[in-house]
Amino acid sequence: MQRNPTRAVRIGDVTIGAGHPIAVQSMAATKTQDVAATIRQVQLLEAAGADLIRIAVDSRKDTDALAKVAEHATRPLTIDLQENYRLAEVVAPWVAKLRYNPGHLYHHERDRPIRDKVAYLAETAATNDCAIRIGVNCGSVDPDKLEQFPADDSISPMLASALEHCELLDDLGFERYCVSLKDSDPNKVIEANRRFAAQRPDVPLHLGVTEAGMPPEGVIKTRIAFEQLISSGIGDTIRVSLTLPFDDKGDEISAGRQILDDIEAGRFRSVPEYRPEGLNIISCPSCSRVENEAFIDLAHQVRDVTAYAKAHSITIAVMGCRVNGPGETDDADLGMWCAPNFVNLKRGPELIGQFPYDAVLDVLREEVDKLIAQETA
């Protein structure tokens, strides 16, 4: 199939864009500071055939652990910088790509211009032979961009943020970068990436449906987005983001390769648009930002205990991290943002209360019943 004429971006021994094979990647789900567990996670992903592996860092303890993990990795590592962008210079010697979220750059040194922060990241990447990913996420968009568009338009702020940061890097003379625009709705992923590719066909795109949820639903949502985009020549590297036990994270790689094989063979399973009917459960992928591993079991339990509501148009979001959890539960009818020792249960942006992991499901059922009653009234 005809691919978008993107430029080549080298990430360690992998090159994306410019007609190179679409790279498949995943993210370590363990706590980065648990060195033994993270090394094992990396090795499991390597055994599954990962081209690239992402690891999150949020503190100096994380960076110290990363250095030890990197010594055992055979595939290029991508670092996921959280709010503390200054950690880039500490981790860059150990990785092949720096991923930053434009929506997080305002957290530290708020009086420092964004351009200066991007310049620091570009200089750090160039000095350490790293690529960069501009990672825009629907739940953590730059607040300045959100104010520029209507509240019901979630795609334009993401697009504006990505294009702005592309321009910043271009002006700095740094072109070794790719972009991702992610949402939990496959339709929004499709639209955002199509619009971006139309304006910047030269920039390689990393595709993914964030918070796709559990298999098989999560694979189906992701497949829909990938089939529509890749068949149009859009996409240079992918991740299937699933809520999985740590030992099963390699299934993300298997699912990604199966989708790519099917697209290449012309085996399509989607329709032009994904319009979920009935109960819709979204949940973030199990990653190292998860505050409590019990979140994974909770997500599966939510699906089981709400199965009786499958015919009703209700969206439930189960989020396991503090980074994206607060924002990405706001748009759901019911949201569960899982902290280390309790679960924040929300009705849209409104907090219902904080409940222990072993008690929240009963309250959730009560809230589901209320929504059903409203729907059928």
Protein backbone atom coordinates (compact mmCIF):
# COMPACT_ATOMS: atom_id res chain seq x y z
CA MET A 1 0.00 0.00 0.00
CA GLN A 2 1.06 3.59 -0.57
CA ARG A 3 2.60 5.06 2.59
CA ASN A 4 2.68 8.72 3.56
CA PRO A 5 5.98 10.32 2.40
CA THR A 6 7.33 10.80 5.91
CA ARG A 7 10.98 11.41 6.61
CA ALA A 8 13.15 8.75 8.24
CA VAL A 9 13.66 8.90 12.00
CA ARG A 10 16.25 6.59 13.54
CA ILE A 11 15.62 5.20 17.04
CA GLY A 12 18.61 3.10 17.99
CA ASP A 13 18.79 0.29 15.45
CA VAL A 14 15.19 0.89 14.33
CA THR A 15 14.21 3.41 11.67
CA ILE A 16 10.62 4.53 11.23
CA GLY A 17 9.13 6.53 8.38
CA ALA A 18 10.29 6.83 4.77
CA GLY A 19 8.77 3.47 3.87
CA HIS A 20 10.51 1.45 6.60
CA PRO A 21 8.52 -1.40 8.19
CA ILE A 22 5.99 -0.29 10.80
CA ALA A 23 7.62 -0.83 14.21
CA VAL A 24 5.65 -2.48 17.03
CA GLN A 25 6.25 -1.34 20.57
CA SER A 26 4.97 -1.69 24.11
CA MET A 27 5.60 -0.24 27.56
CA ALA A 28 6.93 -1.81 30.73
CA ALA A 29 4.14 -2.04 33.28
CA THR A 30 6.20 -2.57 36.39
CA LYS A 31 7.38 0.10 38.81
CA THR A 32 10.63 1.35 37.30
CA GLN A 33 12.32 1.36 40.71
CA ASP A 34 11.69 -2.38 41.00
CA VAL A 35 14.76 -3.17 38.94
CA ALA A 36 14.43 -6.95 38.90
CA ALA A 37 10.76 -6.84 37.89
CA THR A 38 11.38 -4.22 35.22
CA ILE A 39 14.29 -6.17 33.74
CA ARG A 40 12.04 -9.22 33.59
CA GLN A 41 9.29 -7.14 31.97
CA VAL A 42 11.70 -5.85 29.32
CA GLN A 43 12.90 -9.38 28.63
CA LEU A 44 9.31 -10.61 28.26
CA LEU A 45 8.57 -7.86 25.74
CA GLU A 46 11.78 -8.60 23.85
CA ALA A 47 10.84 -12.28 23.72
CA ALA A 48 7.44 -11.29 22.30
CA GLY A 49 9.21 -9.45 19.48
CA ALA A 50 9.03 -5.81 20.54
CA ASP A 51 10.93 -3.42 18.28
CA LEU A 52 10.92 -0.66 20.90
CA ILE A 53 10.18 -0.65 24.64
CA ARG A 54 9.02 2.35 26.65
CA ILE A 55 9.74 2.93 30.34
CA ALA A 56 8.43 5.79 32.50
CA VAL A 57 10.53 7.91 34.83
CA ASP A 58 9.20 10.45 37.30
CA SER A 59 12.01 10.84 39.85
CA ARG A 60 15.74 10.48 40.37
CA LYS A 61 15.14 7.07 41.92
CA ASP A 62 13.49 6.05 38.64
CA THR A 63 16.45 7.30 36.64
CA ASP A 64 18.90 5.39 38.84
CA ALA A 65 16.86 2.25 38.27
CA LEU A 66 16.64 2.87 34.53
CA ALA A 67 20.41 2.85 34.19
CA LYS A 68 20.49 -0.64 35.70
CA VAL A 69 17.61 -1.86 33.53
CA ALA A 70 19.20 -0.49 30.35
CA GLU A 71 22.28 -2.65 30.89
CA HIS A 72 20.10 -5.73 30.33
CA ALA A 73 18.01 -4.46 27.38
CA THR A 74 18.73 -5.65 23.86
CA ARG A 75 16.05 -3.52 22.15
CA PRO A 76 16.07 0.29 21.99
CA LEU A 77 14.44 1.94 24.99
CA THR A 78 12.15 4.94 24.91
CA ILE A 79 11.85 7.00 28.04
CA ASP A 80 8.48 8.41 29.04
CA LEU A 81 9.16 11.75 30.72
CA GLN A 82 6.42 12.78 33.08
CA GLU A 83 6.04 16.24 34.63
CA ASN A 84 9.74 16.61 35.45
CA TYR A 85 11.17 17.24 31.99
CA ARG A 86 14.56 18.05 33.53
CA LEU A 87 15.19 14.35 34.05
CA ALA A 88 15.89 14.12 30.31
CA GLU A 89 19.59 14.83 30.66
CA VAL A 90 19.96 12.11 33.30
CA VAL A 91 18.21 9.36 31.31
CA ALA A 92 19.20 10.29 27.75
CA PRO A 93 22.53 8.40 27.84
CA TRP A 94 20.62 5.15 28.42
CA VAL A 95 17.84 5.40 25.84
CA ALA A 96 17.24 5.91 22.13
CA LYS A 97 14.19 8.20 22.28
CA LEU A 98 12.73 10.80 24.64
CA ARG A 99 8.95 11.00 24.77
CA TYR A 100 7.41 14.12 26.29
CA ASN A 101 3.84 15.34 26.57
CA PRO A 102 3.36 19.03 25.67
CA GLY A 103 0.57 19.17 28.22
CA HIS A 104 3.01 18.37 31.03
CA LEU A 105 5.69 20.94 30.29
CA TYR A 106 3.95 23.65 32.29
CA HIS A 107 4.17 21.72 35.59
CA HIS A 108 7.81 22.60 36.33
CA GLU A 109 9.42 26.03 36.07
CA ARG A 110 6.12 27.63 35.12
CA ASP A 111 7.73 31.00 34.42
CA ARG A 112 10.12 29.51 31.87
CA PRO A 113 8.92 29.81 28.25
CA ILE A 114 7.80 26.56 26.62
CA ARG A 115 10.19 27.20 23.75
CA ASP A 116 13.12 27.18 26.17
CA LYS A 117 11.99 23.85 27.60
CA VAL A 118 11.65 22.33 24.15
CA ALA A 119 15.08 23.71 23.22
CA TYR A 120 16.53 21.98 26.28
CA LEU A 121 14.93 18.68 25.25
CA ALA A 122 16.14 19.02 21.66
CA GLU A 123 19.69 19.82 22.75
CA THR A 124 19.68 16.91 25.20
CA ALA A 125 18.41 14.54 22.51
CA ALA A 126 20.93 15.71 19.94
CA THR A 127 23.84 15.45 22.37
CA ASN A 128 22.89 11.90 23.31
CA ASP A 129 21.94 10.59 19.84
CA CYS A 130 18.25 10.32 20.77
CA ALA A 131 15.08 10.80 18.79
CA ILE A 132 12.05 12.58 20.28
CA ARG A 133 8.35 11.73 20.35
CA ILE A 134 5.86 14.54 20.85
CA GLY A 135 3.14 12.58 22.67
CA VAL A 136 -0.20 14.37 22.80
CA ASN A 137 -2.87 12.68 24.92
CA CYS A 138 -6.56 13.55 25.10
CA GLY A 139 -6.58 13.57 28.91
CA SER A 140 -3.66 15.93 29.42
CA VAL A 141 -3.77 18.55 26.69
CA ASP A 142 -2.00 21.88 27.18
CA PRO A 143 -4.54 24.07 29.10
CA ASP A 144 -3.75 27.04 26.86
CA LYS A 145 -4.86 25.06 23.83
CA LEU A 146 -8.07 23.89 25.48
CA GLU A 147 -9.11 27.50 26.01
CA GLN A 148 -8.84 28.24 22.29
CA PHE A 149 -11.55 25.83 21.15
CA PRO A 150 -15.14 24.95 22.07
CA ALA A 151 -15.50 22.60 25.01
CA ASP A 152 -17.04 19.90 22.82
CA ASP A 153 -14.05 19.89 20.42
CA SER A 154 -11.38 17.65 21.92
CA ILE A 155 -9.48 17.02 18.68
CA SER A 156 -8.51 20.56 17.64
CA PRO A 157 -6.60 21.32 20.89
CA MET A 158 -4.59 18.11 20.48
CA LEU A 159 -3.83 18.94 16.87
CA ALA A 160 -2.87 22.52 17.67
CA SER A 161 -0.52 21.36 20.41
CA ALA A 162 1.19 18.79 18.18
CA LEU A 163 1.62 21.23 15.29
CA GLU A 164 2.99 23.91 17.59
CA HIS A 165 5.65 21.60 18.99
CA CYS A 166 6.59 20.38 15.53
CA GLU A 167 7.17 23.99 14.55
CA LEU A 168 9.22 24.60 17.70
CA LEU A 169 11.51 21.65 16.94
CA ASP A 170 11.75 22.61 13.27
CA ASP A 171 12.77 26.16 14.19
CA LEU A 172 15.44 24.71 16.48
CA GLY A 173 16.80 22.63 13.60
CA PHE A 174 15.83 19.32 15.23
CA GLU A 175 14.00 17.05 12.77
CA ARG A 176 14.53 13.64 14.32
CA TYR A 177 11.11 13.40 15.86
CA CYS A 178 7.73 11.71 15.50
CA VAL A 179 4.28 12.55 16.85
CA SER A 180 1.41 10.70 18.50
CA LEU A 181 -2.18 11.87 19.00
CA LYS A 182 -4.09 9.48 21.22
CA ASP A 183 -7.64 9.15 22.50
CA SER A 184 -9.73 6.32 23.91
CA ASP A 185 -12.24 6.78 21.07
CA PRO A 186 -11.01 5.15 17.83
CA ASN A 187 -12.99 7.66 15.78
CA LYS A 188 -11.16 10.57 17.36
CA VAL A 189 -7.82 8.82 16.86
CA ILE A 190 -8.66 8.39 13.19
CA GLU A 191 -9.75 12.00 12.72
CA ALA A 192 -6.86 13.51 14.67
CA ASN A 193 -4.22 11.55 12.78
CA ARG A 194 -5.82 12.13 9.40
CA ARG A 195 -5.92 15.86 10.02
CA PHE A 196 -2.34 15.92 11.24
CA ALA A 197 -1.07 13.84 8.31
CA ALA A 198 -2.80 16.19 5.88
CA GLN A 199 -0.93 19.16 7.34
CA ARG A 200 2.40 17.48 8.13
CA PRO A 201 2.79 14.46 5.83
CA ASP A 202 6.54 14.61 6.43
CA VAL A 203 6.34 13.73 10.15
CA PRO A 204 6.22 10.02 11.14
CA LEU A 205 3.25 9.07 13.30
CA HIS A 206 3.07 6.72 16.26
CA LEU A 207 -0.44 5.24 16.38
CA GLY A 208 -2.37 4.05 19.40
CA VAL A 209 -5.77 4.06 21.07
CA THR A 210 -5.10 5.05 24.65
CA GLU A 211 -7.09 3.34 27.40
CA ALA A 212 -8.33 0.84 24.83
CA GLY A 213 -9.24 -1.45 27.72
CA MET A 214 -9.20 -5.21 28.07
CA PRO A 215 -9.09 -7.81 25.33
CA PRO A 216 -10.96 -8.55 23.19
CA GLU A 217 -12.72 -5.16 23.21
CA GLY A 218 -9.46 -3.24 23.48
CA VAL A 219 -8.00 -5.06 20.50
CA ILE A 220 -11.15 -4.39 18.48
CA LYS A 221 -11.05 -0.64 19.19
CA THR A 222 -7.38 -0.49 18.27
CA ARG A 223 -7.84 -2.59 15.14
CA ILE A 224 -10.54 -0.23 13.90
CA ALA A 225 -8.26 2.80 14.20
CA PHE A 226 -5.25 1.03 12.72
CA GLU A 227 -7.17 -0.44 9.79
CA GLN A 228 -8.58 2.93 8.81
CA LEU A 229 -5.29 4.81 9.19
CA ILE A 230 -2.65 2.35 8.00
CA SER A 231 -4.70 1.39 4.95
CA SER A 232 -4.61 5.11 4.07
CA GLY A 233 -0.82 5.19 4.37
CA ILE A 234 -0.81 6.82 7.81
CA GLY A 235 1.29 5.34 10.63
CA ASP A 236 4.93 4.40 11.10
CA THR A 237 4.99 2.73 14.52
CA ILE A 238 2.19 1.33 16.68
CA ARG A 239 1.26 0.27 20.18
CA VAL A 240 -1.76 -1.75 21.24
CA SER A 241 -2.51 -0.44 24.76
CA LEU A 242 -4.29 -3.12 26.78
CA THR A 243 -5.15 -3.62 30.43
CA LEU A 244 -3.23 -6.83 31.11
CA PRO A 245 -1.46 -8.63 33.95
CA PHE A 246 2.23 -7.77 33.94
CA ASP A 247 3.25 -11.22 32.70
CA ASP A 248 0.94 -10.90 29.68
CA LYS A 249 2.16 -7.54 28.35
CA GLY A 250 3.77 -9.34 25.44
CA ASP A 251 0.22 -9.88 24.14
CA GLU A 252 0.28 -6.22 23.08
CA ILE A 253 3.09 -7.06 20.66
CA SER A 254 1.31 -10.17 19.35
CA ALA A 255 -1.92 -8.23 18.83
CA GLY A 256 -0.09 -5.46 17.00
CA ARG A 257 1.68 -7.83 14.64
CA GLN A 258 -1.55 -9.72 13.94
CA ILE A 259 -3.32 -6.48 13.02
CA LEU A 260 -0.46 -5.46 10.72
CA ASP A 261 -0.42 -8.89 9.07
CA ASP A 262 -4.17 -8.75 8.50
CA ILE A 263 -4.01 -5.27 6.99
CA GLU A 264 -1.20 -6.29 4.65
CA ALA A 265 -3.19 -9.36 3.59
CA GLY A 266 -6.37 -7.34 3.08
CA ARG A 267 -8.20 -8.99 5.98
CA PHE A 268 -10.28 -6.13 7.38
CA ARG A 269 -12.69 -6.59 10.27
CA SER A 270 -13.90 -3.04 10.81
CA VAL A 271 -16.46 -0.72 9.33
CA PRO A 272 -15.60 2.86 8.39
CA GLU A 273 -16.70 4.24 11.75
CA TYR A 274 -16.75 2.76 15.25
CA ARG A 275 -19.97 3.73 17.01
CA PRO A 276 -20.25 1.81 20.27
CA GLU A 277 -23.75 0.84 21.27
CA GLY A 278 -24.63 -0.15 24.79
CA LEU A 279 -22.17 -0.44 27.67
CA ASN A 280 -18.68 0.88 26.87
CA ILE A 281 -15.83 0.22 29.30
CA ILE A 282 -12.53 1.96 28.74
CA SER A 283 -9.46 1.31 30.86
CA CYS A 284 -5.87 2.46 30.61
CA PRO A 285 -3.07 0.06 29.76
CA SER A 286 -1.29 -1.44 32.75
CA CYS A 287 1.94 0.57 32.87
CA SER A 288 4.52 1.73 35.39
CA ARG A 289 2.37 4.76 36.27
CA VAL A 290 -0.29 2.50 37.80
CA GLU A 291 -0.56 3.37 41.49
CA ASN A 292 -1.77 -0.08 42.59
CA GLU A 293 -1.59 -3.30 40.62
CA ALA A 294 -5.04 -4.14 42.05
CA PHE A 295 -6.36 -1.75 39.37
CA ILE A 296 -5.92 -4.50 36.77
CA ASP A 297 -8.13 -6.95 38.66
CA LEU A 298 -10.61 -4.16 39.37
CA ALA A 299 -10.98 -3.35 35.66
CA HIS A 300 -11.87 -6.97 34.92
CA GLN A 301 -14.28 -7.07 37.86
CA VAL A 302 -16.01 -3.92 36.59
CA ARG A 303 -16.67 -5.63 33.30
CA ASP A 304 -18.14 -8.67 35.08
CA VAL A 305 -20.34 -6.87 37.61
CA THR A 306 -21.79 -4.47 35.01
CA ALA A 307 -22.49 -7.08 32.35
CA TYR A 308 -26.20 -6.83 33.16
CA ALA A 309 -26.15 -3.26 31.78
CA LYS A 310 -24.72 -4.20 28.38
CA ALA A 311 -27.78 -2.96 26.50
CA HIS A 312 -27.59 0.53 28.01
CA SER A 313 -25.56 3.44 26.64
CA ILE A 314 -23.23 3.92 29.59
CA THR A 315 -19.50 4.61 29.48
CA ILE A 316 -17.38 3.56 32.46
CA ALA A 317 -13.71 4.59 32.63
CA VAL A 318 -11.31 2.68 34.87
CA MET A 319 -8.01 4.56 35.15
CA GLY A 320 -4.96 3.36 37.04
CA CYS A 321 -2.63 6.38 37.17
CA ARG A 322 -2.53 9.88 38.58
CA VAL A 323 -1.15 11.37 35.35
CA ASN A 324 -4.08 10.75 33.02
CA GLY A 325 -6.68 9.40 35.45
CA PRO A 326 -8.26 12.66 36.65
CA GLY A 327 -8.77 14.17 33.20
CA GLU A 328 -9.73 11.05 31.31
CA THR A 329 -12.52 10.05 33.69
CA ASP A 330 -14.27 13.41 33.30
CA ASP A 331 -15.86 12.50 29.97
CA ALA A 332 -17.22 9.13 31.12
CA ASP A 333 -20.64 8.65 32.68
CA LEU A 334 -18.89 6.94 35.58
CA GLY A 335 -15.17 7.16 36.22
CA MET A 336 -12.90 5.24 38.55
CA TRP A 337 -9.54 6.89 39.16
CA CYS A 338 -7.50 4.41 41.17
CA ALA A 339 -5.14 5.80 43.82
CA PRO A 340 -2.68 3.64 45.83
CA ASN A 341 -5.13 2.78 48.62
CA PHE A 342 -8.56 3.85 47.40
CA VAL A 343 -10.62 4.50 44.29
CA ASN A 344 -12.02 7.90 43.35
CA LEU A 345 -15.49 7.22 41.96
CA LYS A 346 -16.80 10.01 39.74
CA ARG A 347 -19.96 10.87 37.87
CA GLY A 348 -18.54 12.84 34.98
CA PRO A 349 -16.25 15.47 36.54
CA GLU A 350 -18.10 15.27 39.89
CA LEU A 351 -16.49 13.22 42.68
CA ILE A 352 -18.99 10.83 44.27
CA GLY A 353 -16.51 9.68 46.91
CA GLN A 354 -13.36 7.73 47.71
CA PHE A 355 -13.82 4.03 48.42
CA PRO A 356 -11.62 1.03 49.30
CA TYR A 357 -10.85 -1.29 46.42
CA ASP A 358 -12.98 -4.03 47.99
CA ALA A 359 -16.01 -1.76 48.47
CA VAL A 360 -16.17 0.40 45.36
CA LEU A 361 -17.93 -2.16 43.15
CA ASP A 362 -21.08 -2.11 45.27
CA VAL A 363 -21.27 1.67 44.96
CA LEU A 364 -20.54 1.45 41.24
CA ARG A 365 -23.52 -0.90 40.75
CA GLU A 366 -25.76 1.56 42.57
CA GLU A 367 -24.63 4.35 40.25
CA VAL A 368 -25.13 2.18 37.16
CA ASP A 369 -28.66 1.40 38.36
CA LYS A 370 -29.35 5.13 38.72
CA LEU A 371 -28.20 5.78 35.16
CA ILE A 372 -30.34 2.94 33.85
CA ALA A 373 -33.33 4.34 35.70
CA GLN A 374 -32.73 7.76 34.18
CA GLU A 375 -32.36 6.27 30.71
CA THR A 376 -35.58 4.30 30.94
CA ALA A 377 -37.64 6.94 32.74
